[in-house]
Amino acid sequence: MSDQSKQINFTIVPATDEAGAPTARTYSNFCAIAHTPFDFTLTFCEVMPLSEKEIREAETDHVVHAPVRAKVVVPVQFVPNLIAALQEHWRVFSESHVNANWNKGTGPIH
């Protein structure tokens, strides 16, 4: 028997849970990013319209607290593939929604 390692090519696909029910989705419209030398942390939040009180507080201390919906920690080695996948999906999405009003360059979408 040979001591050479065998290379196998495969594709990873998300699995559904055993009951066949879809995994719950979580909505987020803000993502804070932090990193260490070992990993990146993506903290997804949901920012809702502010109340009058929250607006006054934000004018004073320039901070708005948003509820965290999910934190995802990924290894540094994962980030380039994540960026490439997002760029490719964004390219395809943008090409298919060329005339959409949101894509008029009115500023950043956070």
PDB file of N, CA and C in Angstrom:
ATOM      1  N   MET A   1       0.834  -1.175   0.000  1.00  0.00           N
ATOM      2  CA  MET A   1       0.000   0.000   0.000  1.00  0.00           C
ATOM      3  C   MET A   1       0.880   1.239   0.000  1.00  0.00           C
ATOM      4  N   SER A   2       0.489   2.262  -0.719  1.00  0.00           N
ATOM      5  CA  SER A   2       1.267   3.477  -0.852  1.00  0.00           C
ATOM      6  C   SER A   2       0.997   4.424   0.311  1.00  0.00           C
ATOM      7  N   ASP A   3       2.047   5.171   0.738  1.00  0.00           N
ATOM      8  CA  ASP A   3       1.910   6.163   1.795  1.00  0.00           C
ATOM      9  C   ASP A   3       1.516   7.538   1.250  1.00  0.00           C
ATOM     10  N   GLN A   4       1.321   7.647  -0.064  1.00  0.00           N
ATOM     11  CA  GLN A   4       0.942   8.927  -0.653  1.00  0.00           C
ATOM     12  C   GLN A   4      -0.481   9.283  -0.238  1.00  0.00           C
ATOM     13  N   SER A   5      -0.675  10.579   0.022  1.00  0.00           N
ATOM     14  CA  SER A   5      -2.030  11.013   0.352  1.00  0.00           C
ATOM     15  C   SER A   5      -2.843  11.128  -0.927  1.00  0.00           C
ATOM     16  N   LYS A   6      -4.099  10.831  -0.814  1.00  0.00           N
ATOM     17  CA  LYS A   6      -5.004  10.841  -1.946  1.00  0.00           C
ATOM     18  C   LYS A   6      -5.737  12.179  -1.983  1.00  0.00           C
ATOM     19  N   GLN A   7      -5.818  12.805  -3.144  1.00  0.00           N
ATOM     20  CA  GLN A   7      -6.534  14.065  -3.275  1.00  0.00           C
ATOM     21  C   GLN A   7      -7.921  13.784  -3.817  1.00  0.00           C
ATOM     22  N   ILE A   8      -8.917  14.329  -3.127  1.00  0.00           N
ATOM     23  CA  ILE A   8     -10.305  14.156  -3.546  1.00  0.00           C
ATOM     24  C   ILE A   8     -10.910  15.549  -3.744  1.00  0.00           C
ATOM     25  N   ASN A   9     -11.520  15.772  -4.885  1.00  0.00           N
ATOM     26  CA  ASN A   9     -12.214  17.034  -5.152  1.00  0.00           C
ATOM     27  C   ASN A   9     -13.686  16.855  -4.795  1.00  0.00           C
ATOM     28  N   PHE A  10     -14.257  17.841  -4.119  1.00  0.00           N
ATOM     29  CA  PHE A  10     -15.661  17.753  -3.744  1.00  0.00           C
ATOM     30  C   PHE A  10     -16.245  19.146  -3.610  1.00  0.00           C
ATOM     31  N   THR A  11     -17.555  19.213  -3.606  1.00  0.00           N
ATOM     32  CA  THR A  11     -18.284  20.452  -3.429  1.00  0.00           C
ATOM     33  C   THR A  11     -19.070  20.353  -2.137  1.00  0.00           C
ATOM     34  N   ILE A  12     -19.015  21.389  -1.324  1.00  0.00           N
ATOM     35  CA  ILE A  12     -19.777  21.420  -0.074  1.00  0.00           C
ATOM     36  C   ILE A  12     -21.080  22.153  -0.339  1.00  0.00           C
ATOM     37  N   VAL A  13     -22.187  21.551   0.050  1.00  0.00           N
ATOM     38  CA  VAL A  13     -23.499  22.182  -0.104  1.00  0.00           C
ATOM     39  C   VAL A  13     -24.196  22.187   1.255  1.00  0.00           C
ATOM     40  N   PRO A  14     -24.946  23.241   1.561  1.00  0.00           N
ATOM     41  CA  PRO A  14     -25.664  23.271   2.837  1.00  0.00           C
ATOM     42  C   PRO A  14     -26.700  22.150   2.899  1.00  0.00           C
ATOM     43  N   ALA A  15     -26.773  21.495   4.026  1.00  0.00           N
ATOM     44  CA  ALA A  15     -27.742  20.408   4.217  1.00  0.00           C
ATOM     45  C   ALA A  15     -28.983  20.963   4.906  1.00  0.00           C
ATOM     46  N   THR A  16     -30.133  20.389   4.585  1.00  0.00           N
ATOM     47  CA  THR A  16     -31.346  20.744   5.313  1.00  0.00           C
ATOM     48  C   THR A  16     -31.370  19.913   6.588  1.00  0.00           C
ATOM     49  N   ASP A  17     -32.113  20.377   7.569  1.00  0.00           N
ATOM     50  CA  ASP A  17     -32.171  19.594   8.799  1.00  0.00           C
ATOM     51  C   ASP A  17     -32.939  18.298   8.543  1.00  0.00           C
ATOM     52  N   GLU A  18     -32.883  17.405   9.485  1.00  0.00           N
ATOM     53  CA  GLU A  18     -33.409  16.055   9.276  1.00  0.00           C
ATOM     54  C   GLU A  18     -34.902  16.006   9.034  1.00  0.00           C
ATOM     55  N   ALA A  19     -35.652  16.954   9.569  1.00  0.00           N
ATOM     56  CA  ALA A  19     -37.094  16.974   9.352  1.00  0.00           C
ATOM     57  C   ALA A  19     -37.440  17.576   7.992  1.00  0.00           C
ATOM     58  N   GLY A  20     -36.444  18.093   7.284  1.00  0.00           N
ATOM     59  CA  GLY A  20     -36.681  18.695   5.989  1.00  0.00           C
ATOM     60  C   GLY A  20     -37.137  20.141   6.069  1.00  0.00           C
ATOM     61  N   ALA A  21     -37.292  20.657   7.289  1.00  0.00           N
ATOM     62  CA  ALA A  21     -37.715  22.047   7.460  1.00  0.00           C
ATOM     63  C   ALA A  21     -36.540  22.969   7.177  1.00  0.00           C
ATOM     64  N   PRO A  22     -36.815  24.117   6.569  1.00  0.00           N
ATOM     65  CA  PRO A  22     -35.705  25.041   6.298  1.00  0.00           C
ATOM     66  C   PRO A  22     -35.152  25.636   7.593  1.00  0.00           C
ATOM     67  N   THR A  23     -33.886  25.985   7.553  1.00  0.00           N
ATOM     68  CA  THR A  23     -33.244  26.645   8.683  1.00  0.00           C
ATOM     69  C   THR A  23     -33.810  28.056   8.818  1.00  0.00           C
ATOM     70  N   ALA A  24     -34.016  28.495  10.039  1.00  0.00           N
ATOM     71  CA  ALA A  24     -34.549  29.834  10.269  1.00  0.00           C
ATOM     72  C   ALA A  24     -33.600  30.883   9.702  1.00  0.00           C
ATOM     73  N   ARG A  25     -34.159  31.907   9.097  1.00  0.00           N
ATOM     74  CA  ARG A  25     -33.368  33.009   8.560  1.00  0.00           C
ATOM     75  C   ARG A  25     -33.401  34.167   9.544  1.00  0.00           C
ATOM     76  N   THR A  26     -32.319  34.936   9.558  1.00  0.00           N
ATOM     77  CA  THR A  26     -32.217  36.093  10.437  1.00  0.00           C
ATOM     78  C   THR A  26     -31.937  37.317   9.583  1.00  0.00           C
ATOM     79  N   TYR A  27     -32.744  38.369   9.754  1.00  0.00           N
ATOM     80  CA  TYR A  27     -32.571  39.594   8.986  1.00  0.00           C
ATOM     81  C   TYR A  27     -31.563  40.507   9.665  1.00  0.00           C
ATOM     82  N   SER A  28     -30.717  41.131   8.851  1.00  0.00           N
ATOM     83  CA  SER A  28     -29.746  42.099   9.344  1.00  0.00           C
ATOM     84  C   SER A  28     -29.559  43.166   8.287  1.00  0.00           C
ATOM     85  N   ASN A  29     -29.423  44.421   8.725  1.00  0.00           N
ATOM     86  CA  ASN A  29     -29.144  45.490   7.769  1.00  0.00           C
ATOM     87  C   ASN A  29     -27.914  46.304   8.189  1.00  0.00           C
ATOM     88  N   PHE A  30     -27.097  45.697   9.052  1.00  0.00           N
ATOM     89  CA  PHE A  30     -25.838  46.320   9.468  1.00  0.00           C
ATOM     90  C   PHE A  30     -24.879  45.208   9.878  1.00  0.00           C
ATOM     91  N   CYS A  31     -23.611  45.382   9.517  1.00  0.00           N
ATOM     92  CA  CYS A  31     -22.606  44.392   9.905  1.00  0.00           C
ATOM     93  C   CYS A  31     -21.359  45.121  10.394  1.00  0.00           C
ATOM     94  N   ALA A  32     -20.971  44.843  11.630  1.00  0.00           N
ATOM     95  CA  ALA A  32     -19.717  45.365  12.174  1.00  0.00           C
ATOM     96  C   ALA A  32     -18.667  44.267  12.012  1.00  0.00           C
ATOM     97  N   ILE A  33     -17.466  44.652  11.651  1.00  0.00           N
ATOM     98  CA  ILE A  33     -16.406  43.675  11.402  1.00  0.00           C
ATOM     99  C   ILE A  33     -15.226  43.975  12.310  1.00  0.00           C
ATOM    100  N   ALA A  34     -14.724  42.925  12.941  1.00  0.00           N
ATOM    101  CA  ALA A  34     -13.516  43.025  13.771  1.00  0.00           C
ATOM    102  C   ALA A  34     -12.617  41.840  13.415  1.00  0.00           C
ATOM    103  N   HIS A  35     -11.338  41.955  13.747  1.00  0.00           N
ATOM    104  CA  HIS A  35     -10.444  40.833  13.460  1.00  0.00           C
ATOM    105  C   HIS A  35      -9.336  40.718  14.496  1.00  0.00           C
ATOM    106  N   THR A  36      -8.808  39.529  14.581  1.00  0.00           N
ATOM    107  CA  THR A  36      -7.607  39.230  15.352  1.00  0.00           C
ATOM    108  C   THR A  36      -6.605  38.671  14.349  1.00  0.00           C
ATOM    109  N   PRO A  37      -5.406  38.312  14.769  1.00  0.00           N
ATOM    110  CA  PRO A  37      -4.483  37.682  13.817  1.00  0.00           C
ATOM    111  C   PRO A  37      -4.977  36.321  13.324  1.00  0.00           C
ATOM    112  N   PHE A  38      -6.009  35.761  13.957  1.00  0.00           N
ATOM    113  CA  PHE A  38      -6.450  34.400  13.657  1.00  0.00           C
ATOM    114  C   PHE A  38      -7.813  34.308  12.991  1.00  0.00           C
ATOM    115  N   ASP A  39      -8.699  35.299  13.229  1.00  0.00           N
ATOM    116  CA  ASP A  39     -10.048  35.191  12.689  1.00  0.00           C
ATOM    117  C   ASP A  39     -10.698  36.552  12.494  1.00  0.00           C
ATOM    118  N   PHE A  40     -11.792  36.542  11.762  1.00  0.00           N
ATOM    119  CA  PHE A  40     -12.630  37.726  11.559  1.00  0.00           C
ATOM    120  C   PHE A  40     -13.969  37.460  12.229  1.00  0.00           C
ATOM    121  N   THR A  41     -14.508  38.471  12.902  1.00  0.00           N
ATOM    122  CA  THR A  41     -15.826  38.367  13.516  1.00  0.00           C
ATOM    123  C   THR A  41     -16.762  39.325  12.804  1.00  0.00           C
ATOM    124  N   LEU A  42     -17.847  38.772  12.269  1.00  0.00           N
ATOM    125  CA  LEU A  42     -18.882  39.563  11.610  1.00  0.00           C
ATOM    126  C   LEU A  42     -20.065  39.601  12.561  1.00  0.00           C
ATOM    127  N   THR A  43     -20.402  40.786  13.047  1.00  0.00           N
ATOM    128  CA  THR A  43     -21.513  40.954  13.983  1.00  0.00           C
ATOM    129  C   THR A  43     -22.657  41.609  13.223  1.00  0.00           C
ATOM    130  N   PHE A  44     -23.727  40.848  13.017  1.00  0.00           N
ATOM    131  CA  PHE A  44     -24.878  41.312  12.252  1.00  0.00           C
ATOM    132  C   PHE A  44     -25.924  41.884  13.196  1.00  0.00           C
ATOM    133  N   CYS A  45     -26.389  43.091  12.891  1.00  0.00           N
ATOM    134  CA  CYS A  45     -27.381  43.789  13.717  1.00  0.00           C
ATOM    135  C   CYS A  45     -28.566  44.204  12.857  1.00  0.00           C
ATOM    136  N   GLU A  46     -29.659  44.502  13.548  1.00  0.00           N
ATOM    137  CA  GLU A  46     -30.840  45.040  12.871  1.00  0.00           C
ATOM    138  C   GLU A  46     -31.070  46.451  13.387  1.00  0.00           C
ATOM    139  N   VAL A  47     -30.928  47.420  12.496  1.00  0.00           N
ATOM    140  CA  VAL A  47     -31.119  48.818  12.858  1.00  0.00           C
ATOM    141  C   VAL A  47     -32.527  49.219  12.440  1.00  0.00           C
ATOM    142  N   MET A  48     -33.314  49.600  13.406  1.00  0.00           N
ATOM    143  CA  MET A  48     -34.697  50.006  13.161  1.00  0.00           C
ATOM    144  C   MET A  48     -34.772  51.537  13.176  1.00  0.00           C
ATOM    145  N   PRO A  49     -35.865  52.117  12.642  1.00  0.00           N
ATOM    146  CA  PRO A  49     -36.019  53.569  12.732  1.00  0.00           C
ATOM    147  C   PRO A  49     -35.957  54.012  14.194  1.00  0.00           C
ATOM    148  N   LEU A  50     -35.314  55.143  14.426  1.00  0.00           N
ATOM    149  CA  LEU A  50     -35.093  55.617  15.790  1.00  0.00           C
ATOM    150  C   LEU A  50     -36.291  56.391  16.319  1.00  0.00           C
ATOM    151  N   SER A  51     -36.523  56.244  17.618  1.00  0.00           N
ATOM    152  CA  SER A  51     -37.552  57.040  18.291  1.00  0.00           C
ATOM    153  C   SER A  51     -36.989  58.445  18.521  1.00  0.00           C
ATOM    154  N   GLU A  52     -37.854  59.365  18.898  1.00  0.00           N
ATOM    155  CA  GLU A  52     -37.400  60.729  19.200  1.00  0.00           C
ATOM    156  C   GLU A  52     -36.350  60.714  20.309  1.00  0.00           C
ATOM    157  N   LYS A  53     -36.572  59.894  21.332  1.00  0.00           N
ATOM    158  CA  LYS A  53     -35.617  59.796  22.453  1.00  0.00           C
ATOM    159  C   LYS A  53     -34.264  59.281  21.961  1.00  0.00           C
ATOM    160  N   GLU A  54     -34.280  58.246  21.116  1.00  0.00           N
ATOM    161  CA  GLU A  54     -33.030  57.695  20.588  1.00  0.00           C
ATOM    162  C   GLU A  54     -32.301  58.709  19.708  1.00  0.00           C
ATOM    163  N   ILE A  55     -33.058  59.509  18.971  1.00  0.00           N
ATOM    164  CA  ILE A  55     -32.435  60.541  18.140  1.00  0.00           C
ATOM    165  C   ILE A  55     -31.739  61.577  19.016  1.00  0.00           C
ATOM    166  N   ARG A  56     -32.409  62.014  20.084  1.00  0.00           N
ATOM    167  CA  ARG A  56     -31.789  62.986  21.006  1.00  0.00           C
ATOM    168  C   ARG A  56     -30.523  62.400  21.639  1.00  0.00           C
ATOM    169  N   GLU A  57     -30.591  61.132  22.051  1.00  0.00           N
ATOM    170  CA  GLU A  57     -29.409  60.488  22.647  1.00  0.00           C
ATOM    171  C   GLU A  57     -28.277  60.394  21.630  1.00  0.00           C
ATOM    172  N   ALA A  58     -28.614  60.065  20.384  1.00  0.00           N
ATOM    173  CA  ALA A  58     -27.595  59.948  19.335  1.00  0.00           C
ATOM    174  C   ALA A  58     -26.964  61.298  19.029  1.00  0.00           C
ATOM    175  N   GLU A  59     -27.744  62.374  19.123  1.00  0.00           N
ATOM    176  CA  GLU A  59     -27.189  63.704  18.907  1.00  0.00           C
ATOM    177  C   GLU A  59     -26.209  64.079  20.004  1.00  0.00           C
ATOM    178  N   THR A  60     -26.436  63.555  21.203  1.00  0.00           N
ATOM    179  CA  THR A  60     -25.576  63.868  22.340  1.00  0.00           C
ATOM    180  C   THR A  60     -24.295  63.042  22.333  1.00  0.00           C
ATOM    181  N   ASP A  61     -24.447  61.723  22.293  1.00  0.00           N
ATOM    182  CA  ASP A  61     -23.245  60.882  22.421  1.00  0.00           C
ATOM    183  C   ASP A  61     -22.815  60.211  21.112  1.00  0.00           C
ATOM    184  N   HIS A  62     -23.531  60.471  20.007  1.00  0.00           N
ATOM    185  CA  HIS A  62     -23.165  59.975  18.678  1.00  0.00           C
ATOM    186  C   HIS A  62     -23.047  58.455  18.619  1.00  0.00           C
ATOM    187  N   VAL A  63     -23.911  57.762  19.365  1.00  0.00           N
ATOM    188  CA  VAL A  63     -23.918  56.303  19.375  1.00  0.00           C
ATOM    189  C   VAL A  63     -25.364  55.835  19.284  1.00  0.00           C
ATOM    190  N   VAL A  64     -25.589  54.814  18.454  1.00  0.00           N
ATOM    191  CA  VAL A  64     -26.889  54.155  18.382  1.00  0.00           C
ATOM    192  C   VAL A  64     -26.644  52.681  18.649  1.00  0.00           C
ATOM    193  N   HIS A  65     -27.336  52.135  19.619  1.00  0.00           N
ATOM    194  CA  HIS A  65     -27.196  50.721  19.947  1.00  0.00           C
ATOM    195  C   HIS A  65     -28.205  49.926  19.137  1.00  0.00           C
ATOM    196  N   ALA A  66     -27.726  48.913  18.433  1.00  0.00           N
ATOM    197  CA  ALA A  66     -28.594  48.068  17.608  1.00  0.00           C
ATOM    198  C   ALA A  66     -28.522  46.637  18.136  1.00  0.00           C
ATOM    199  N   PRO A  67     -29.650  45.944  18.188  1.00  0.00           N
ATOM    200  CA  PRO A  67     -29.632  44.577  18.681  1.00  0.00           C
ATOM    201  C   PRO A  67     -28.837  43.648  17.760  1.00  0.00           C
ATOM    202  N   VAL A  68     -27.994  42.838  18.371  1.00  0.00           N
ATOM    203  CA  VAL A  68     -27.196  41.861  17.628  1.00  0.00           C
ATOM    204  C   VAL A  68     -28.107  40.688  17.273  1.00  0.00           C
ATOM    205  N   ARG A  69     -28.115  40.323  15.997  1.00  0.00           N
ATOM    206  CA  ARG A  69     -28.923  39.190  15.527  1.00  0.00           C
ATOM    207  C   ARG A  69     -28.089  37.925  15.367  1.00  0.00           C
ATOM    208  N   ALA A  70     -26.787  38.098  15.045  1.00  0.00           N
ATOM    209  CA  ALA A  70     -25.907  36.933  14.893  1.00  0.00           C
ATOM    210  C   ALA A  70     -24.463  37.403  14.893  1.00  0.00           C
ATOM    211  N   LYS A  71     -23.591  36.548  15.431  1.00  0.00           N
ATOM    212  CA  LYS A  71     -22.145  36.766  15.343  1.00  0.00           C
ATOM    213  C   LYS A  71     -21.564  35.551  14.638  1.00  0.00           C
ATOM    214  N   VAL A  72     -20.765  35.817  13.618  1.00  0.00           N
ATOM    215  CA  VAL A  72     -20.137  34.733  12.861  1.00  0.00           C
ATOM    216  C   VAL A  72     -18.635  34.959  12.909  1.00  0.00           C
ATOM    217  N   VAL A  73     -17.913  33.959  13.364  1.00  0.00           N
ATOM    218  CA  VAL A  73     -16.456  34.028  13.434  1.00  0.00           C
ATOM    219  C   VAL A  73     -15.898  33.069  12.381  1.00  0.00           C
ATOM    220  N   VAL A  74     -15.032  33.599  11.511  1.00  0.00           N
ATOM    221  CA  VAL A  74     -14.444  32.774  10.452  1.00  0.00           C
ATOM    222  C   VAL A  74     -12.928  32.891  10.506  1.00  0.00           C
ATOM    223  N   PRO A  75     -12.221  31.827  10.135  1.00  0.00           N
ATOM    224  CA  PRO A  75     -10.758  31.908  10.125  1.00  0.00           C
ATOM    225  C   PRO A  75     -10.275  32.865   9.041  1.00  0.00           C
ATOM    226  N   VAL A  76      -9.127  33.451   9.257  1.00  0.00           N
ATOM    227  CA  VAL A  76      -8.546  34.409   8.309  1.00  0.00           C
ATOM    228  C   VAL A  76      -8.470  33.804   6.906  1.00  0.00           C
ATOM    229  N   GLN A  77      -8.122  32.537   6.805  1.00  0.00           N
ATOM    230  CA  GLN A  77      -7.965  31.886   5.503  1.00  0.00           C
ATOM    231  C   GLN A  77      -9.276  31.822   4.715  1.00  0.00           C
ATOM    232  N   PHE A  78     -10.405  31.948   5.390  1.00  0.00           N
ATOM    233  CA  PHE A  78     -11.728  31.881   4.770  1.00  0.00           C
ATOM    234  C   PHE A  78     -12.113  33.194   4.099  1.00  0.00           C
ATOM    235  N   VAL A  79     -11.566  34.311   4.577  1.00  0.00           N
ATOM    236  CA  VAL A  79     -11.999  35.645   4.158  1.00  0.00           C
ATOM    237  C   VAL A  79     -11.802  35.913   2.663  1.00  0.00           C
ATOM    238  N   PRO A  80     -10.651  35.602   2.047  1.00  0.00           N
ATOM    239  CA  PRO A  80     -10.515  35.876   0.609  1.00  0.00           C
ATOM    240  C   PRO A  80     -11.584  35.167  -0.238  1.00  0.00           C
ATOM    241  N   ASN A  81     -11.931  33.934   0.108  1.00  0.00           N
ATOM    242  CA  ASN A  81     -12.971  33.226  -0.642  1.00  0.00           C
ATOM    243  C   ASN A  81     -14.341  33.848  -0.406  1.00  0.00           C
ATOM    244  N   LEU A  82     -14.599  34.323   0.812  1.00  0.00           N
ATOM    245  CA  LEU A  82     -15.856  35.008   1.109  1.00  0.00           C
ATOM    246  C   LEU A  82     -15.964  36.282   0.279  1.00  0.00           C
ATOM    247  N   ILE A  83     -14.887  37.063   0.234  1.00  0.00           N
ATOM    248  CA  ILE A  83     -14.878  38.303  -0.546  1.00  0.00           C
ATOM    249  C   ILE A  83     -15.106  38.000  -2.028  1.00  0.00           C
ATOM    250  N   ALA A  84     -14.408  37.001  -2.559  1.00  0.00           N
ATOM    251  CA  ALA A  84     -14.556  36.646  -3.975  1.00  0.00           C
ATOM    252  C   ALA A  84     -15.982  36.189  -4.283  1.00  0.00           C
ATOM    253  N   ALA A  85     -16.575  35.401  -3.398  1.00  0.00           N
ATOM    254  CA  ALA A  85     -17.946  34.930  -3.615  1.00  0.00           C
ATOM    255  C   ALA A  85     -18.936  36.090  -3.568  1.00  0.00           C
ATOM    256  N   LEU A  86     -18.760  37.010  -2.610  1.00  0.00           N
ATOM    257  CA  LEU A  86     -19.642  38.176  -2.530  1.00  0.00           C
ATOM    258  C   LEU A  86     -19.503  39.044  -3.785  1.00  0.00           C
ATOM    259  N   GLN A  87     -18.269  39.256  -4.242  1.00  0.00           N
ATOM    260  CA  GLN A  87     -18.061  40.069  -5.441  1.00  0.00           C
ATOM    261  C   GLN A  87     -18.721  39.430  -6.663  1.00  0.00           C
ATOM    262  N   GLU A  88     -18.614  38.130  -6.796  1.00  0.00           N
ATOM    263  CA  GLU A  88     -19.223  37.440  -7.938  1.00  0.00           C
ATOM    264  C   GLU A  88     -20.743  37.514  -7.861  1.00  0.00           C
ATOM    265  N   HIS A  89     -21.306  37.274  -6.696  1.00  0.00           N
ATOM    266  CA  HIS A  89     -22.758  37.370  -6.551  1.00  0.00           C
ATOM    267  C   HIS A  89     -23.230  38.805  -6.771  1.00  0.00           C
ATOM    268  N   TRP A  90     -22.466  39.780  -6.297  1.00  0.00           N
ATOM    269  CA  TRP A  90     -22.832  41.180  -6.510  1.00  0.00           C
ATOM    270  C   TRP A  90     -22.801  41.520  -8.002  1.00  0.00           C
ATOM    271  N   ARG A  91     -21.794  41.023  -8.718  1.00  0.00           N
ATOM    272  CA  ARG A  91     -21.695  41.268 -10.154  1.00  0.00           C
ATOM    273  C   ARG A  91     -22.930  40.719 -10.871  1.00  0.00           C
ATOM    274  N   VAL A  92     -23.282  39.473 -10.592  1.00  0.00           N
ATOM    275  CA  VAL A  92     -24.440  38.847 -11.238  1.00  0.00           C
ATOM    276  C   VAL A  92     -25.719  39.591 -10.865  1.00  0.00           C
ATOM    277  N   PHE A  93     -25.875  39.921  -9.585  1.00  0.00           N
ATOM    278  CA  PHE A  93     -27.055  40.648  -9.125  1.00  0.00           C
ATOM    279  C   PHE A  93     -27.161  42.001  -9.813  1.00  0.00           C
ATOM    280  N   SER A  94     -26.050  42.749  -9.845  1.00  0.00           N
ATOM    281  CA  SER A  94     -26.051  44.084 -10.451  1.00  0.00           C
ATOM    282  C   SER A  94     -26.397  44.031 -11.933  1.00  0.00           C
ATOM    283  N   GLU A  95     -25.865  43.046 -12.626  1.00  0.00           N
ATOM    284  CA  GLU A  95     -26.155  42.909 -14.051  1.00  0.00           C
ATOM    285  C   GLU A  95     -27.625  42.585 -14.298  1.00  0.00           C
ATOM    286  N   SER A  96     -28.249  41.870 -13.400  1.00  0.00           N
ATOM    287  CA  SER A  96     -29.645  41.497 -13.603  1.00  0.00           C
ATOM    288  C   SER A  96     -30.607  42.561 -13.091  1.00  0.00           C
ATOM    289  N   HIS A  97     -30.114  43.555 -12.349  1.00  0.00           N
ATOM    290  CA  HIS A  97     -30.955  44.620 -11.820  1.00  0.00           C
ATOM    291  C   HIS A  97     -30.418  45.993 -12.230  1.00  0.00           C
ATOM    292  N   VAL A  98     -29.997  46.112 -13.473  1.00  0.00           N
ATOM    293  CA  VAL A  98     -29.350  47.324 -13.970  1.00  0.00           C
ATOM    294  C   VAL A  98     -30.239  48.558 -13.818  1.00  0.00           C
ATOM    295  N   ASN A  99     -31.536  48.435 -14.016  1.00  0.00           N
ATOM    296  CA  ASN A  99     -32.417  49.598 -13.997  1.00  0.00           C
ATOM    297  C   ASN A  99     -33.084  49.837 -12.654  1.00  0.00           C
ATOM    298  N   ALA A 100     -32.688  49.132 -11.635  1.00  0.00           N
ATOM    299  CA  ALA A 100     -33.318  49.310 -10.325  1.00  0.00           C
ATOM    300  C   ALA A 100     -32.978  50.684  -9.762  1.00  0.00           C
ATOM    301  N   ASN A 101     -33.933  51.314  -9.100  1.00  0.00           N
ATOM    302  CA  ASN A 101     -33.728  52.657  -8.549  1.00  0.00           C
ATOM    303  C   ASN A 101     -32.673  52.709  -7.458  1.00  0.00           C
ATOM    304  N   TRP A 102     -32.512  51.641  -6.675  1.00  0.00           N
ATOM    305  CA  TRP A 102     -31.557  51.651  -5.569  1.00  0.00           C
ATOM    306  C   TRP A 102     -30.124  51.696  -6.064  1.00  0.00           C
ATOM    307  N   ASN A 103     -29.876  51.324  -7.313  1.00  0.00           N
ATOM    308  CA  ASN A 103     -28.515  51.214  -7.841  1.00  0.00           C
ATOM    309  C   ASN A 103     -28.099  52.468  -8.598  1.00  0.00           C
ATOM    310  N   LYS A 104     -28.511  53.647  -8.130  1.00  0.00           N
ATOM    311  CA  LYS A 104     -28.218  54.906  -8.825  1.00  0.00           C
ATOM    312  C   LYS A 104     -27.000  55.631  -8.264  1.00  0.00           C
ATOM    313  N   GLY A 105     -26.259  55.025  -7.345  1.00  0.00           N
ATOM    314  CA  GLY A 105     -25.070  55.659  -6.811  1.00  0.00           C
ATOM    315  C   GLY A 105     -25.363  56.805  -5.865  1.00  0.00           C
ATOM    316  N   THR A 106     -26.415  56.683  -5.055  1.00  0.00           N
ATOM    317  CA  THR A 106     -26.783  57.756  -4.136  1.00  0.00           C
ATOM    318  C   THR A 106     -25.974  57.713  -2.858  1.00  0.00           C
ATOM    319  N   GLY A 107     -25.026  56.844  -2.749  1.00  0.00           N
ATOM    320  CA  GLY A 107     -24.204  56.736  -1.547  1.00  0.00           C
ATOM    321  C   GLY A 107     -24.132  55.296  -1.081  1.00  0.00           C
ATOM    322  N   PRO A 108     -23.392  55.075  -0.029  1.00  0.00           N
ATOM    323  CA  PRO A 108     -23.199  53.703   0.441  1.00  0.00           C
ATOM    324  C   PRO A 108     -24.478  53.120   1.024  1.00  0.00           C
ATOM    325  N   ILE A 109     -24.629  51.831   0.843  1.00  0.00           N
ATOM    326  CA  ILE A 109     -25.716  51.088   1.463  1.00  0.00           C
ATOM    327  C   ILE A 109     -25.081  50.264   2.565  1.00  0.00           C
ATOM    328  N   HIS A 110     -25.490  50.503   3.790  1.00  0.00           N
ATOM    329  CA  HIS A 110     -24.894  49.795   4.923  1.00  0.00           C
ATOM    330  C   HIS A 110     -25.811  48.716   5.409  1.00  0.00           C
TER     331      HIS A 110
END
